[in-house]
Protein backbone atom coordinates (compact mmCIF):
# COMPACT_ATOMS: atom_id res chain seq x y z
CA UNK A 1 99.35 73.78 64.67
CA UNK A 2 99.73 70.91 67.11
CA UNK A 3 98.77 71.05 70.78
CA UNK A 4 102.45 71.08 71.78
CA UNK A 5 103.12 74.20 69.71
CA UNK A 6 100.07 75.96 71.17
CA UNK A 7 101.11 75.07 74.73
CA UNK A 8 104.66 76.33 74.09
CA UNK A 9 103.38 79.63 72.66
CA UNK A 10 101.04 80.13 75.64
CA UNK A 11 103.89 79.41 78.08
CA UNK A 12 106.20 81.87 76.31
CA UNK A 13 103.45 84.53 76.33
CA UNK A 14 102.84 83.98 80.05
CA UNK A 15 106.57 84.35 80.77
CA UNK A 16 106.77 87.54 78.68
CA UNK A 17 103.73 89.01 80.47
CA UNK A 18 105.16 88.05 83.88
CA UNK A 19 108.52 89.65 83.08
CA UNK A 20 106.82 92.79 81.72
CA UNK A 21 104.61 93.09 84.82
CA UNK A 22 107.63 92.61 87.12
CA UNK A 23 109.61 95.24 85.21
CA UNK A 24 106.69 97.69 85.34
CA UNK A 25 106.17 97.25 89.09
CA UNK A 26 109.92 97.66 89.64
CA UNK A 27 109.97 100.88 87.60
CA UNK A 28 106.91 102.23 89.43
CA UNK A 29 108.50 101.47 92.83
CA UNK A 30 111.72 103.16 91.71
CA UNK A 31 109.77 106.22 90.51
CA UNK A 32 107.84 106.42 93.79
CA UNK A 33 111.01 106.31 95.90
CA UNK A 34 112.57 109.03 93.74
CA UNK A 35 109.46 111.21 94.17
CA UNK A 36 109.61 110.82 97.97
CA UNK A 37 113.15 112.23 98.18
């Protein structure tokens, strides 16, 4: 694999991880607010 392909894969992985982390934190916040009510 060339360096460009490796860089692209790493970027895609970082984006996926960022989106997953954002989704998880959003779900946790939503769950916490529901528990408070």
